[in-house]
PDB file of N, CA and C in Angstrom:
ATOM      1  N   THR A   1     103.051 100.794  90.068  1.00  0.00           N
ATOM      2  CA  THR A   1     102.962 101.908  89.675  1.00  0.00           C
ATOM      3  C   THR A   1     101.657 102.068  89.603  1.00  0.00           C
ATOM      4  N   GLU A   2     100.841 102.695  90.164  1.00  0.00           N
ATOM      5  CA  GLU A   2      99.314 103.228  90.174  1.00  0.00           C
ATOM      6  C   GLU A   2      99.363 104.721  89.044  1.00  0.00           C
ATOM      7  N   THR A   3      98.539 104.487  88.204  1.00  0.00           N
ATOM      8  CA  THR A   3      98.160 105.553  87.142  1.00  0.00           C
ATOM      9  C   THR A   3      97.321 106.540  87.548  1.00  0.00           C
ATOM     10  N   VAL A   4      97.848 107.848  87.635  1.00  0.00           N
ATOM     11  CA  VAL A   4      97.032 108.846  88.610  1.00  0.00           C
ATOM     12  C   VAL A   4      96.852 109.846  87.175  1.00  0.00           C
ATOM     13  N   ASN A   5      95.482 110.389  86.898  1.00  0.00           N
ATOM     14  CA  ASN A   5      94.955 111.533  86.385  1.00  0.00           C
ATOM     15  C   ASN A   5      93.784 111.986  86.681  1.00  0.00           C
ATOM     16  N   ALA A   6      93.659 112.749  87.613  1.00  0.00           N
ATOM     17  CA  ALA A   6      92.627 113.334  87.754  1.00  0.00           C
ATOM     18  C   ALA A   6      92.016 114.363  87.215  1.00  0.00           C
ATOM     19  N   GLY A   7      92.349 114.608  85.740  1.00  0.00           N
ATOM     20  CA  GLY A   7      91.923 115.806  85.056  1.00  0.00           C
ATOM     21  C   GLY A   7      92.647 116.976  84.910  1.00  0.00           C
ATOM     22  N   PRO A   8      92.066 118.011  83.926  1.00  0.00           N
ATOM     23  CA  PRO A   8      92.955 119.161  84.287  1.00  0.00           C
ATOM     24  C   PRO A   8      93.040 120.135  85.392  1.00  0.00           C
ATOM     25  N   ILE A   9      93.842 120.905  85.778  1.00  0.00           N
ATOM     26  CA  ILE A   9      93.741 121.377  86.914  1.00  0.00           C
ATOM     27  C   ILE A   9      93.500 123.270  86.514  1.00  0.00           C
ATOM     28  N   THR A  10      92.445 123.275  87.044  1.00  0.00           N
ATOM     29  CA  THR A  10      91.496 124.618  86.520  1.00  0.00           C
ATOM     30  C   THR A  10      91.647 125.442  87.870  1.00  0.00           C
ATOM     31  N   GLU A  11      91.767 125.422  88.706  1.00  0.00           N
ATOM     32  CA  GLU A  11      91.821 126.194  90.154  1.00  0.00           C
ATOM     33  C   GLU A  11      93.191 125.922  90.748  1.00  0.00           C
ATOM     34  N   GLY A  12      93.398 127.052  91.567  1.00  0.00           N
ATOM     35  CA  GLY A  12      94.701 126.446  92.814  1.00  0.00           C
ATOM     36  C   GLY A  12      95.922 127.406  92.058  1.00  0.00           C
ATOM     37  N   PHE A  13      96.872 126.254  92.504  1.00  0.00           N
ATOM     38  CA  PHE A  13      97.873 126.047  92.181  1.00  0.00           C
ATOM     39  C   PHE A  13      98.404 124.956  91.960  1.00  0.00           C
ATOM     40  N   VAL A  14      99.956 124.759  91.024  1.00  0.00           N
ATOM     41  CA  VAL A  14     100.380 123.332  90.855  1.00  0.00           C
ATOM     42  C   VAL A  14     101.931 122.953  91.078  1.00  0.00           C
ATOM     43  N   LEU A  15     102.156 122.148  91.749  1.00  0.00           N
ATOM     44  CA  LEU A  15     103.292 122.037  92.155  1.00  0.00           C
ATOM     45  C   LEU A  15     103.721 121.035  91.082  1.00  0.00           C
ATOM     46  N   VAL A  16     104.933 121.578  90.236  1.00  0.00           N
ATOM     47  CA  VAL A  16     105.499 120.487  89.210  1.00  0.00           C
ATOM     48  C   VAL A  16     106.649 120.134  89.681  1.00  0.00           C
ATOM     49  N   ASP A  17     106.846 118.585  90.263  1.00  0.00           N
ATOM     50  CA  ASP A  17     107.909 117.992  90.410  1.00  0.00           C
ATOM     51  C   ASP A  17     108.691 117.099  89.687  1.00  0.00           C
ATOM     52  N   LEU A  18     109.503 117.034  89.110  1.00  0.00           N
ATOM     53  CA  LEU A  18     110.077 116.402  88.068  1.00  0.00           C
ATOM     54  C   LEU A  18     111.120 115.375  88.845  1.00  0.00           C
ATOM     55  N   VAL A  19     111.023 114.350  89.065  1.00  0.00           N
ATOM     56  CA  VAL A  19     111.668 113.660  90.086  1.00  0.00           C
ATOM     57  C   VAL A  19     112.879 112.929  89.546  1.00  0.00           C
ATOM     58  N   VAL A  20     113.994 112.754  90.218  1.00  0.00           N
ATOM     59  CA  VAL A  20     115.280 112.424  89.784  1.00  0.00           C
ATOM     60  C   VAL A  20     116.113 111.599  90.809  1.00  0.00           C
ATOM     61  N   MET A  21     115.906 110.482  90.629  1.00  0.00           N
ATOM     62  CA  MET A  21     116.341 109.305  91.585  1.00  0.00           C
ATOM     63  C   MET A  21     117.836 109.397  91.691  1.00  0.00           C
ATOM     64  N   ASN A  22     118.398 108.924  92.982  1.00  0.00           N
ATOM     65  CA  ASN A  22     119.525 108.629  93.028  1.00  0.00           C
ATOM     66  C   ASN A  22     120.045 107.228  92.348  1.00  0.00           C
ATOM     67  N   ASP A  23     121.254 107.320  91.859  1.00  0.00           N
ATOM     68  CA  ASP A  23     121.493 105.660  91.120  1.00  0.00           C
ATOM     69  C   ASP A  23     121.274 104.579  92.128  1.00  0.00           C
ATOM     70  N   GLY A  24     120.838 103.698  91.835  1.00  0.00           N
ATOM     71  CA  GLY A  24     120.227 102.513  92.597  1.00  0.00           C
ATOM     72  C   GLY A  24     118.832 102.119  93.426  1.00  0.00           C
ATOM     73  N   PHE A  25     118.155 103.525  92.669  1.00  0.00           N
ATOM     74  CA  PHE A  25     116.833 103.790  93.542  1.00  0.00           C
ATOM     75  C   PHE A  25     115.791 104.037  92.325  1.00  0.00           C
ATOM     76  N   GLY A  26     114.531 103.518  92.223  1.00  0.00           N
ATOM     77  CA  GLY A  26     113.925 103.559  91.010  1.00  0.00           C
ATOM     78  C   GLY A  26     112.104 103.777  91.449  1.00  0.00           C
ATOM     79  N   ALA A  27     111.251 103.325  90.665  1.00  0.00           N
ATOM     80  CA  ALA A  27     109.683 103.532  90.896  1.00  0.00           C
ATOM     81  C   ALA A  27     109.174 102.793  91.977  1.00  0.00           C
ATOM     82  N   SER A  28     109.805 101.589  92.720  1.00  0.00           N
ATOM     83  CA  SER A  28     108.863 101.232  93.530  1.00  0.00           C
ATOM     84  C   SER A  28     109.540 102.132  95.050  1.00  0.00           C
ATOM     85  N   GLU A  29     110.280 102.229  94.995  1.00  0.00           N
ATOM     86  CA  GLU A  29     111.061 103.213  95.931  1.00  0.00           C
ATOM     87  C   GLU A  29     110.435 104.620  96.059  1.00  0.00           C
ATOM     88  N   ARG A  30     110.299 105.123  94.628  1.00  0.00           N
ATOM     89  CA  ARG A  30     109.446 106.538  94.805  1.00  0.00           C
ATOM     90  C   ARG A  30     108.528 106.116  95.030  1.00  0.00           C
ATOM     91  N   ASP A  31     107.411 104.986  94.742  1.00  0.00           N
ATOM     92  CA  ASP A  31     106.054 104.744  95.087  1.00  0.00           C
ATOM     93  C   ASP A  31     105.959 104.823  96.627  1.00  0.00           C
ATOM     94  N   ALA A  32     107.088 104.089  97.209  1.00  0.00           N
ATOM     95  CA  ALA A  32     107.036 104.124  98.673  1.00  0.00           C
ATOM     96  C   ALA A  32     107.222 105.384  99.227  1.00  0.00           C
ATOM     97  N   TYR A  33     107.680 106.077  98.927  1.00  0.00           N
ATOM     98  CA  TYR A  33     107.886 107.394  99.510  1.00  0.00           C
ATOM     99  C   TYR A  33     106.822 108.562  99.060  1.00  0.00           C
ATOM    100  N   GLU A  34     106.351 108.250  98.050  1.00  0.00           N
ATOM    101  CA  GLU A  34     104.563 108.684  97.778  1.00  0.00           C
ATOM    102  C   GLU A  34     103.816 108.379  98.575  1.00  0.00           C
ATOM    103  N   ALA A  35     104.052 107.440  99.307  1.00  0.00           N
ATOM    104  CA  ALA A  35     102.550 106.581 100.286  1.00  0.00           C
ATOM    105  C   ALA A  35     102.935 107.079 101.132  1.00  0.00           C
ATOM    106  N   SER A  36     103.894 107.460 101.941  1.00  0.00           N
ATOM    107  CA  SER A  36     104.387 108.054 102.820  1.00  0.00           C
ATOM    108  C   SER A  36     103.828 109.903 102.942  1.00  0.00           C
ATOM    109  N   MET A  37     104.721 110.251 102.019  1.00  0.00           N
ATOM    110  CA  MET A  37     104.246 112.011 101.767  1.00  0.00           C
ATOM    111  C   MET A  37     102.941 112.347 101.506  1.00  0.00           C
ATOM    112  N   ALA A  38     102.078 111.401 100.775  1.00  0.00           N
ATOM    113  CA  ALA A  38     100.711 112.100 100.250  1.00  0.00           C
ATOM    114  C   ALA A  38      99.698 112.529 101.587  1.00  0.00           C
ATOM    115  N   PRO A  39      99.489 111.210 102.609  1.00  0.00           N
ATOM    116  CA  PRO A  39      98.910 111.976 103.583  1.00  0.00           C
ATOM    117  C   PRO A  39      99.456 113.421 104.393  1.00  0.00           C
ATOM    118  N   ILE A  40     100.804 113.577 104.341  1.00  0.00           N
ATOM    119  CA  ILE A  40     101.097 114.748 104.823  1.00  0.00           C
ATOM    120  C   ILE A  40     100.822 116.097 104.210  1.00  0.00           C
ATOM    121  N   ALA A  41     100.921 116.192 102.631  1.00  0.00           N
ATOM    122  CA  ALA A  41     100.744 116.697 102.306  1.00  0.00           C
ATOM    123  C   ALA A  41      99.051 117.194 102.064  1.00  0.00           C
ATOM    124  N   GLU A  42      98.139 116.202 102.400  1.00  0.00           N
ATOM    125  CA  GLU A  42      96.960 116.182 101.928  1.00  0.00           C
ATOM    126  C   GLU A  42      96.597 117.363 103.188  1.00  0.00           C
ATOM    127  N   LYS A  43      97.266 117.092 104.203  1.00  0.00           N
ATOM    128  CA  LYS A  43      96.872 118.105 105.380  1.00  0.00           C
ATOM    129  C   LYS A  43      97.011 119.293 105.054  1.00  0.00           C
ATOM    130  N   TYR A  44      97.617 119.735 104.085  1.00  0.00           N
ATOM    131  CA  TYR A  44      98.299 121.281 103.808  1.00  0.00           C
ATOM    132  C   TYR A  44      97.333 121.484 102.496  1.00  0.00           C
ATOM    133  N   GLY A  45      96.376 120.769 102.012  1.00  0.00           N
ATOM    134  CA  GLY A  45      95.979 120.995 100.402  1.00  0.00           C
ATOM    135  C   GLY A  45      96.517 120.510  99.314  1.00  0.00           C
ATOM    136  N   TYR A  46      97.548 119.801  99.539  1.00  0.00           N
ATOM    137  CA  TYR A  46      98.156 119.170  98.221  1.00  0.00           C
ATOM    138  C   TYR A  46      97.489 117.634  97.803  1.00  0.00           C
ATOM    139  N   THR A  47      97.293 117.802  96.585  1.00  0.00           N
ATOM    140  CA  THR A  47      97.124 116.336  96.501  1.00  0.00           C
ATOM    141  C   THR A  47      97.711 115.965  94.887  1.00  0.00           C
ATOM    142  N   ILE A  48      98.145 114.954  94.472  1.00  0.00           N
ATOM    143  CA  ILE A  48      98.280 114.234  93.181  1.00  0.00           C
ATOM    144  C   ILE A  48      97.048 114.326  92.191  1.00  0.00           C
ATOM    145  N   GLN A  49      97.661 115.100  91.112  1.00  0.00           N
ATOM    146  CA  GLN A  49      96.258 115.368  90.162  1.00  0.00           C
ATOM    147  C   GLN A  49      96.971 114.109  89.014  1.00  0.00           C
ATOM    148  N   ALA A  50      98.240 114.281  88.575  1.00  0.00           N
ATOM    149  CA  ALA A  50      98.699 113.669  87.910  1.00  0.00           C
ATOM    150  C   ALA A  50     100.369 113.071  88.241  1.00  0.00           C
ATOM    151  N   SER A  51     100.203 111.864  87.066  1.00  0.00           N
ATOM    152  CA  SER A  51     101.617 111.192  87.716  1.00  0.00           C
ATOM    153  C   SER A  51     101.831 110.783  86.234  1.00  0.00           C
ATOM    154  N   TYR A  52     103.094 110.933  85.705  1.00  0.00           N
ATOM    155  CA  TYR A  52     103.643 110.294  84.899  1.00  0.00           C
ATOM    156  C   TYR A  52     105.201 109.550  84.378  1.00  0.00           C
ATOM    157  N   GLU A  53     105.402 108.531  84.266  1.00  0.00           N
ATOM    158  CA  GLU A  53     106.531 107.857  84.063  1.00  0.00           C
ATOM    159  C   GLU A  53     107.225 108.384  82.731  1.00  0.00           C
ATOM    160  N   ILE A  54     108.266 108.898  82.802  1.00  0.00           N
ATOM    161  CA  ILE A  54     109.105 109.656  81.569  1.00  0.00           C
ATOM    162  C   ILE A  54     109.562 108.344  80.821  1.00  0.00           C
ATOM    163  N   ASP A  55     109.500 108.025  79.557  1.00  0.00           N
ATOM    164  CA  ASP A  55     109.862 107.289  78.978  1.00  0.00           C
ATOM    165  C   ASP A  55     111.107 107.765  78.209  1.00  0.00           C
ATOM    166  N   GLN A  56     111.271 108.956  78.139  1.00  0.00           N
ATOM    167  CA  GLN A  56     112.459 109.322  77.347  1.00  0.00           C
ATOM    168  C   GLN A  56     112.604 110.797  77.235  1.00  0.00           C
ATOM    169  N   LYS A  57     113.874 111.541  77.418  1.00  0.00           N
ATOM    170  CA  LYS A  57     114.486 112.485  77.250  1.00  0.00           C
ATOM    171  C   LYS A  57     114.590 112.802  75.754  1.00  0.00           C
ATOM    172  N   ILE A  58     113.525 113.995  75.391  1.00  0.00           N
ATOM    173  CA  ILE A  58     113.592 114.377  74.092  1.00  0.00           C
ATOM    174  C   ILE A  58     114.937 115.441  74.193  1.00  0.00           C
ATOM    175  N   GLY A  59     114.910 116.610  74.813  1.00  0.00           N
ATOM    176  CA  GLY A  59     116.043 117.552  74.469  1.00  0.00           C
ATOM    177  C   GLY A  59     116.133 118.283  75.696  1.00  0.00           C
ATOM    178  N   GLY A  60     117.084 119.487  75.725  1.00  0.00           N
ATOM    179  CA  GLY A  60     117.050 120.288  76.693  1.00  0.00           C
ATOM    180  C   GLY A  60     118.271 120.015  77.599  1.00  0.00           C
ATOM    181  N   ASP A  61     118.508 120.886  78.659  1.00  0.00           N
ATOM    182  CA  ASP A  61     119.668 121.036  79.305  1.00  0.00           C
ATOM    183  C   ASP A  61     119.246 120.321  81.184  1.00  0.00           C
ATOM    184  N   GLY A  62     118.077 119.981  80.894  1.00  0.00           N
ATOM    185  CA  GLY A  62     117.623 119.056  82.210  1.00  0.00           C
ATOM    186  C   GLY A  62     118.257 117.926  82.608  1.00  0.00           C
ATOM    187  N   PRO A  63     117.753 117.073  83.715  1.00  0.00           N
ATOM    188  CA  PRO A  63     118.711 115.887  83.884  1.00  0.00           C
ATOM    189  C   PRO A  63     118.328 114.971  82.936  1.00  0.00           C
ATOM    190  N   ALA A  64     119.438 114.086  82.626  1.00  0.00           N
ATOM    191  CA  ALA A  64     119.323 113.032  81.789  1.00  0.00           C
ATOM    192  C   ALA A  64     118.627 112.414  81.737  1.00  0.00           C
ATOM    193  N   SER A  65     118.100 111.811  83.126  1.00  0.00           N
ATOM    194  CA  SER A  65     117.232 110.485  83.275  1.00  0.00           C
ATOM    195  C   SER A  65     116.252 110.519  84.336  1.00  0.00           C
ATOM    196  N   PRO A  66     115.595 111.494  83.973  1.00  0.00           N
ATOM    197  CA  PRO A  66     114.171 111.554  85.515  1.00  0.00           C
ATOM    198  C   PRO A  66     113.288 110.399  85.324  1.00  0.00           C
ATOM    199  N   LEU A  67     112.747 110.330  86.365  1.00  0.00           N
ATOM    200  CA  LEU A  67     111.863 109.037  86.783  1.00  0.00           C
ATOM    201  C   LEU A  67     110.608 109.245  86.437  1.00  0.00           C
ATOM    202  N   ARG A  68     109.959 110.411  86.839  1.00  0.00           N
ATOM    203  CA  ARG A  68     108.547 110.952  86.895  1.00  0.00           C
ATOM    204  C   ARG A  68     108.363 111.863  86.995  1.00  0.00           C
ATOM    205  N   LEU A  69     107.026 112.487  86.210  1.00  0.00           N
ATOM    206  CA  LEU A  69     106.883 114.082  86.263  1.00  0.00           C
ATOM    207  C   LEU A  69     105.514 113.828  86.941  1.00  0.00           C
ATOM    208  N   ILE A  70     105.618 114.779  88.148  1.00  0.00           N
ATOM    209  CA  ILE A  70     104.027 114.811  89.081  1.00  0.00           C
ATOM    210  C   ILE A  70     103.852 116.086  89.403  1.00  0.00           C
ATOM    211  N   LEU A  71     102.276 116.096  88.976  1.00  0.00           N
ATOM    212  CA  LEU A  71     101.633 117.375  89.150  1.00  0.00           C
ATOM    213  C   LEU A  71     100.759 117.366  90.920  1.00  0.00           C
ATOM    214  N   TRP A  72     101.262 117.993  91.599  1.00  0.00           N
ATOM    215  CA  TRP A  72     100.233 118.350  92.825  1.00  0.00           C
ATOM    216  C   TRP A  72      99.517 119.381  92.849  1.00  0.00           C
ATOM    217  N   ASN A  73      98.228 119.313  93.142  1.00  0.00           N
ATOM    218  CA  ASN A  73      97.273 120.633  92.783  1.00  0.00           C
ATOM    219  C   ASN A  73      97.047 120.797  94.244  1.00  0.00           C
ATOM    220  N   GLY A  74      97.239 122.180  94.621  1.00  0.00           N
ATOM    221  CA  GLY A  74      97.360 122.800  96.273  1.00  0.00           C
ATOM    222  C   GLY A  74      96.240 124.328  95.997  1.00  0.00           C
ATOM    223  N   ASP A  75      95.759 124.459  97.037  1.00  0.00           N
ATOM    224  CA  ASP A  75      94.824 126.044  97.259  1.00  0.00           C
ATOM    225  C   ASP A  75      95.941 127.117  97.715  1.00  0.00           C
ATOM    226  N   ASN A  76      96.860 126.527  98.076  1.00  0.00           N
ATOM    227  CA  ASN A  76      97.510 127.748  98.787  1.00  0.00           C
ATOM    228  C   ASN A  76      98.864 127.457  98.746  1.00  0.00           C
ATOM    229  N   PRO A  77     100.066 128.418  97.808  1.00  0.00           N
ATOM    230  CA  PRO A  77     101.420 128.449  97.826  1.00  0.00           C
ATOM    231  C   PRO A  77     102.011 128.626  98.955  1.00  0.00           C
ATOM    232  N   ASP A  78     101.239 129.110  99.476  1.00  0.00           N
ATOM    233  CA  ASP A  78     102.097 129.558 100.959  1.00  0.00           C
ATOM    234  C   ASP A  78     102.126 128.014 101.944  1.00  0.00           C
ATOM    235  N   ALA A  79     101.297 127.304 101.785  1.00  0.00           N
ATOM    236  CA  ALA A  79     101.075 126.096 102.762  1.00  0.00           C
ATOM    237  C   ALA A  79     102.380 125.174 102.410  1.00  0.00           C
ATOM    238  N   LEU A  80     103.105 125.105 101.480  1.00  0.00           N
ATOM    239  CA  LEU A  80     104.500 124.230 101.224  1.00  0.00           C
ATOM    240  C   LEU A  80     105.300 124.984 102.147  1.00  0.00           C
ATOM    241  N   GLY A  81     105.299 125.964 102.433  1.00  0.00           N
ATOM    242  CA  GLY A  81     106.463 126.342 103.789  1.00  0.00           C
ATOM    243  C   GLY A  81     106.290 125.573 104.770  1.00  0.00           C
ATOM    244  N   ALA A  82     104.746 125.817 105.304  1.00  0.00           N
ATOM    245  CA  ALA A  82     104.355 125.083 106.434  1.00  0.00           C
ATOM    246  C   ALA A  82     104.196 123.487 106.165  1.00  0.00           C
ATOM    247  N   LEU A  83     104.164 122.696 104.998  1.00  0.00           N
ATOM    248  CA  LEU A  83     103.889 121.472 104.764  1.00  0.00           C
ATOM    249  C   LEU A  83     105.877 121.064 105.432  1.00  0.00           C
ATOM    250  N   THR A  84     106.455 122.194 104.493  1.00  0.00           N
ATOM    251  CA  THR A  84     108.185 121.487 104.707  1.00  0.00           C
ATOM    252  C   THR A  84     108.371 121.712 106.528  1.00  0.00           C
ATOM    253  N   GLN A  85     107.754 122.269 106.996  1.00  0.00           N
ATOM    254  CA  GLN A  85     107.815 122.342 108.647  1.00  0.00           C
ATOM    255  C   GLN A  85     107.200 121.355 109.834  1.00  0.00           C
ATOM    256  N   ASP A  86     106.196 120.504 108.837  1.00  0.00           N
ATOM    257  CA  ASP A  86     105.824 119.583 109.632  1.00  0.00           C
ATOM    258  C   ASP A  86     106.575 118.408 110.097  1.00  0.00           C
ATOM    259  N   PRO A  87     106.370 117.994 111.488  1.00  0.00           N
ATOM    260  CA  PRO A  87     107.452 117.057 111.974  1.00  0.00           C
ATOM    261  C   PRO A  87     107.216 115.652 110.976  1.00  0.00           C
ATOM    262  N   ALA A  88     106.023 115.178 110.746  1.00  0.00           N
ATOM    263  CA  ALA A  88     106.204 114.160 109.898  1.00  0.00           C
ATOM    264  C   ALA A  88     107.245 114.066 108.598  1.00  0.00           C
ATOM    265  N   TYR A  89     106.988 115.652 107.689  1.00  0.00           N
ATOM    266  CA  TYR A  89     107.589 115.391 106.444  1.00  0.00           C
ATOM    267  C   TYR A  89     109.350 115.550 107.136  1.00  0.00           C
ATOM    268  N   MET A  90     109.413 116.283 107.856  1.00  0.00           N
ATOM    269  CA  MET A  90     111.038 116.365 108.598  1.00  0.00           C
ATOM    270  C   MET A  90     111.239 115.174 108.771  1.00  0.00           C
ATOM    271  N   ALA A  91     110.800 114.161 109.255  1.00  0.00           N
ATOM    272  CA  ALA A  91     110.934 112.999 110.048  1.00  0.00           C
ATOM    273  C   ALA A  91     111.537 112.030 108.299  1.00  0.00           C
ATOM    274  N   LEU A  92     111.070 112.402 107.092  1.00  0.00           N
ATOM    275  CA  LEU A  92     111.232 111.688 105.731  1.00  0.00           C
ATOM    276  C   LEU A  92     112.418 112.539 105.238  1.00  0.00           C
ATOM    277  N   GLU A  93     113.139 113.155 105.859  1.00  0.00           N
ATOM    278  CA  GLU A  93     114.544 113.803 105.481  1.00  0.00           C
ATOM    279  C   GLU A  93     115.414 112.713 105.206  1.00  0.00           C
ATOM    280  N   ASP A  94     115.776 111.857 106.212  1.00  0.00           N
ATOM    281  CA  ASP A  94     116.549 110.920 105.709  1.00  0.00           C
ATOM    282  C   ASP A  94     116.539 110.382 104.339  1.00  0.00           C
ATOM    283  N   ASP A  95     115.082 109.940 104.251  1.00  0.00           N
ATOM    284  CA  ASP A  95     114.721 108.947 102.986  1.00  0.00           C
ATOM    285  C   ASP A  95     114.935 110.044 101.392  1.00  0.00           C
ATOM    286  N   ARG A  96     114.438 111.138 102.091  1.00  0.00           N
ATOM    287  CA  ARG A  96     114.629 112.017 100.815  1.00  0.00           C
ATOM    288  C   ARG A  96     116.159 112.396 100.332  1.00  0.00           C
ATOM    289  N   GLN A  97     117.397 112.199 101.102  1.00  0.00           N
ATOM    290  CA  GLN A  97     118.068 112.458 100.904  1.00  0.00           C
ATOM    291  C   GLN A  97     119.138 111.155 100.229  1.00  0.00           C
ATOM    292  N   LYS A  98     118.555 109.839 100.374  1.00  0.00           N
ATOM    293  CA  LYS A  98     119.005 108.856 100.226  1.00  0.00           C
ATOM    294  C   LYS A  98     118.367 108.517  98.861  1.00  0.00           C
ATOM    295  N   LEU A  99     117.228 109.105  98.410  1.00  0.00           N
ATOM    296  CA  LEU A  99     116.670 108.725  97.307  1.00  0.00           C
ATOM    297  C   LEU A  99     116.484 109.337  96.167  1.00  0.00           C
ATOM    298  N   PHE A 100     116.468 110.852  96.660  1.00  0.00           N
ATOM    299  CA  PHE A 100     116.358 111.800  95.420  1.00  0.00           C
ATOM    300  C   PHE A 100     117.902 112.314  94.990  1.00  0.00           C
ATOM    301  N   ASP A 101     118.049 112.615  93.920  1.00  0.00           N
ATOM    302  CA  ASP A 101     119.159 113.545  93.503  1.00  0.00           C
ATOM    303  C   ASP A 101     118.657 114.684  93.231  1.00  0.00           C
ATOM    304  N   PHE A 102     119.003 115.331  94.439  1.00  0.00           N
ATOM    305  CA  PHE A 102     118.742 116.884  94.492  1.00  0.00           C
ATOM    306  C   PHE A 102     119.668 117.787  93.448  1.00  0.00           C
ATOM    307  N   SER A 103     120.587 117.391  93.009  1.00  0.00           N
ATOM    308  CA  SER A 103     121.233 118.312  92.372  1.00  0.00           C
ATOM    309  C   SER A 103     120.484 118.358  90.848  1.00  0.00           C
ATOM    310  N   GLN A 104     119.581 117.615  90.456  1.00  0.00           N
ATOM    311  CA  GLN A 104     119.007 117.584  89.116  1.00  0.00           C
ATOM    312  C   GLN A 104     117.145 117.528  89.522  1.00  0.00           C
ATOM    313  N   LEU A 105     116.825 117.148  90.636  1.00  0.00           N
ATOM    314  CA  LEU A 105     115.563 117.192  90.963  1.00  0.00           C
ATOM    315  C   LEU A 105     114.918 118.444  90.825  1.00  0.00           C
ATOM    316  N   THR A 106     113.360 118.860  89.795  1.00  0.00           N
ATOM    317  CA  THR A 106     113.311 120.276  89.588  1.00  0.00           C
ATOM    318  C   THR A 106     111.566 120.352  90.281  1.00  0.00           C
ATOM    319  N   LEU A 107     111.657 121.476  91.060  1.00  0.00           N
ATOM    320  CA  LEU A 107     110.250 121.698  91.766  1.00  0.00           C
ATOM    321  C   LEU A 107     109.843 122.768  91.103  1.00  0.00           C
ATOM    322  N   LEU A 108     108.701 123.109  90.652  1.00  0.00           N
ATOM    323  CA  LEU A 108     108.000 124.581  89.951  1.00  0.00           C
ATOM    324  C   LEU A 108     107.045 124.599  90.440  1.00  0.00           C
ATOM    325  N   MET A 109     106.427 125.862  91.016  1.00  0.00           N
ATOM    326  CA  MET A 109     105.180 126.374  91.296  1.00  0.00           C
ATOM    327  C   MET A 109     104.490 127.259  89.834  1.00  0.00           C
ATOM    328  N   ALA A 110     103.234 126.655  89.618  1.00  0.00           N
ATOM    329  CA  ALA A 110     102.908 127.036  88.597  1.00  0.00           C
ATOM    330  C   ALA A 110     101.301 127.435  88.914  1.00  0.00           C
ATOM    331  N   SER A 111     100.819 128.100  87.737  1.00  0.00           N
ATOM    332  CA  SER A 111      99.207 128.464  88.267  1.00  0.00           C
ATOM    333  C   SER A 111      98.405 128.369  86.414  1.00  0.00           C
ATOM    334  N   PRO A 112      97.354 127.773  86.695  1.00  0.00           N
ATOM    335  CA  PRO A 112      96.600 127.584  85.265  1.00  0.00           C
ATOM    336  C   PRO A 112      96.851 128.849  84.787  1.00  0.00           C
ATOM    337  N   VAL A 113      96.753 128.858  83.277  1.00  0.00           N
ATOM    338  CA  VAL A 113      96.749 129.816  82.304  1.00  0.00           C
ATOM    339  C   VAL A 113      95.294 129.992  82.112  1.00  0.00           C
ATOM    340  N   SER A 114      94.534 131.161  82.242  1.00  0.00           N
ATOM    341  CA  SER A 114      93.270 131.543  81.846  1.00  0.00           C
ATOM    342  C   SER A 114      92.676 131.467  80.506  1.00  0.00           C
ATOM    343  N   SER A 115      92.201 130.993  80.132  1.00  0.00           N
ATOM    344  CA  SER A 115      91.695 130.862  78.454  1.00  0.00           C
ATOM    345  C   SER A 115      90.959 132.364  77.973  1.00  0.00           C
ATOM    346  N   GLN A 116      91.149 132.849  77.372  1.00  0.00           N
ATOM    347  CA  GLN A 116      90.068 133.949  77.124  1.00  0.00           C
ATOM    348  C   GLN A 116      89.628 133.831  75.782  1.00  0.00           C
TER     349      GLN A 116
END
């Protein structure tokens, strides 16, 4: 697993991806998926800004054992819809269904908070 941290996100939008894997799958499968997914996302202006392995769940009602927190930076939140319709993205659907626990996976769109 490669460490990714391109610094603070100050422009655009952030896609927060809390990754939860199905039983029997882990970091190596996520890494392979990201290697396939990243070039597709880049066509639509999304790049991985930072990626963090989850060491421990401290509290809250979220997933019991998420694998990773990924921050994708994008220029246009509307491009996400186009990305999901890309034939290369759609070709990865079987992999997504096999690897990820969609009952717990969490995706959030966020914007940087402007400091005053």
